[in-house]
Amino acid sequence: MWLLSTALVAGLANPEYVTCQLAKRVKIQGEMVCIYRGPNGTIGYHYPSYSFVECPKQYSCRYTPNAKRRPTVKEILNGLKEGFE
């Protein structure tokens, strides 16, 4: 049990990162958001300061595999819009 809890804490303290590819650039209520997709449904976000030129084609995302089906870009955008309201 101790070993399992130690491994869990180590995983949280040192998360694994993967390379994600740029999926979409959107502007929601004046806020620019770059959406990235990676392996096993990993999704990452980057918020550029001035323009979408700041969105690299590849981005280092925190690896968060999704056991369920992968969300569509439209579902991601709807979730982001709700967060800004």
Protein backbone atom coordinates (compact mmCIF):
# COMPACT_ATOMS: atom_id res chain seq x y z
CA MET A 1 0.00 0.00 0.00
CA TRP A 2 2.81 2.40 0.88
CA LEU A 3 4.51 1.75 -2.46
CA LEU A 4 1.30 2.46 -4.39
CA SER A 5 0.71 5.77 -2.59
CA THR A 6 4.35 6.76 -3.13
CA ALA A 7 4.06 6.03 -6.84
CA LEU A 8 0.85 8.05 -7.05
CA VAL A 9 2.41 11.07 -5.34
CA ALA A 10 5.50 10.82 -7.56
CA GLY A 11 3.25 10.77 -10.63
CA LEU A 12 1.48 13.91 -9.48
CA ALA A 13 4.71 15.68 -8.57
CA ASN A 14 6.41 14.79 -11.89
CA PRO A 15 3.68 14.60 -14.54
CA GLU A 16 4.47 13.03 -17.88
CA TYR A 17 4.42 15.29 -20.92
CA VAL A 18 3.81 14.36 -24.56
CA THR A 19 4.01 16.24 -27.85
CA CYS A 20 0.63 17.55 -28.99
CA GLN A 21 -0.25 18.89 -32.43
CA LEU A 22 -2.15 22.12 -33.09
CA ALA A 23 -5.81 21.24 -33.78
CA LYS A 24 -7.53 24.61 -33.86
CA ARG A 25 -7.17 28.32 -33.12
CA VAL A 26 -10.29 30.06 -31.81
CA LYS A 27 -11.29 33.40 -30.36
CA ILE A 28 -13.93 33.24 -27.64
CA GLN A 29 -15.26 36.53 -26.29
CA GLY A 30 -12.04 38.29 -27.25
CA GLU A 31 -9.81 35.62 -25.66
CA MET A 32 -7.50 33.72 -28.03
CA VAL A 33 -7.13 29.98 -27.43
CA CYS A 34 -4.96 27.42 -29.23
CA ILE A 35 -6.23 23.84 -28.85
CA TYR A 36 -3.82 20.93 -29.11
CA ARG A 37 -4.40 17.19 -29.42
CA GLY A 38 -2.05 14.43 -28.37
CA PRO A 39 -2.00 10.65 -27.97
CA ASN A 40 -4.87 8.81 -26.26
CA GLY A 41 -7.17 11.81 -26.22
CA THR A 42 -4.77 14.19 -24.50
CA ILE A 43 -5.86 17.79 -24.94
CA GLY A 44 -3.82 20.89 -24.23
CA TYR A 45 -4.52 24.61 -24.35
CA HIS A 46 -2.30 27.60 -24.93
CA TYR A 47 -3.43 31.21 -24.48
CA PRO A 48 -1.36 33.56 -26.68
CA SER A 49 -0.88 37.15 -25.52
CA TYR A 50 -0.98 39.11 -28.76
CA SER A 51 -1.77 36.99 -31.83
CA PHE A 52 -2.24 33.46 -33.09
CA VAL A 53 1.31 33.61 -34.49
CA GLU A 54 2.36 32.70 -30.94
CA CYS A 55 0.70 29.26 -31.31
CA PRO A 56 3.40 26.71 -32.18
CA LYS A 57 2.48 23.74 -34.37
CA GLN A 58 3.67 21.40 -31.62
CA TYR A 59 3.21 21.92 -27.90
CA SER A 60 4.29 19.93 -24.86
CA CYS A 61 1.03 18.87 -23.17
CA ARG A 62 0.53 17.14 -19.86
CA TYR A 63 -0.34 13.51 -20.63
CA THR A 64 -3.93 12.88 -19.56
CA PRO A 65 -5.26 9.82 -21.36
CA ASN A 66 -9.00 9.79 -21.80
CA ALA A 67 -10.54 6.35 -21.16
CA LYS A 68 -13.81 7.48 -22.73
CA ARG A 69 -14.25 8.48 -26.34
CA ARG A 70 -12.28 11.47 -27.52
CA PRO A 71 -14.19 14.76 -27.40
CA THR A 72 -14.75 16.54 -30.67
CA VAL A 73 -13.33 20.00 -31.29
CA LYS A 74 -16.90 21.34 -31.16
CA GLU A 75 -17.39 19.85 -27.67
CA ILE A 76 -14.12 21.41 -26.55
CA LEU A 77 -15.18 24.81 -27.88
CA ASN A 78 -18.57 24.56 -26.18
CA GLY A 79 -16.85 23.73 -22.89
CA LEU A 80 -14.52 26.70 -23.25
CA LYS A 81 -17.41 29.05 -24.06
CA GLU A 82 -19.21 27.94 -20.89
CA GLY A 83 -16.07 28.66 -18.89
CA PHE A 84 -15.94 32.27 -20.12
CA GLU A 85 -19.59 33.02 -19.30
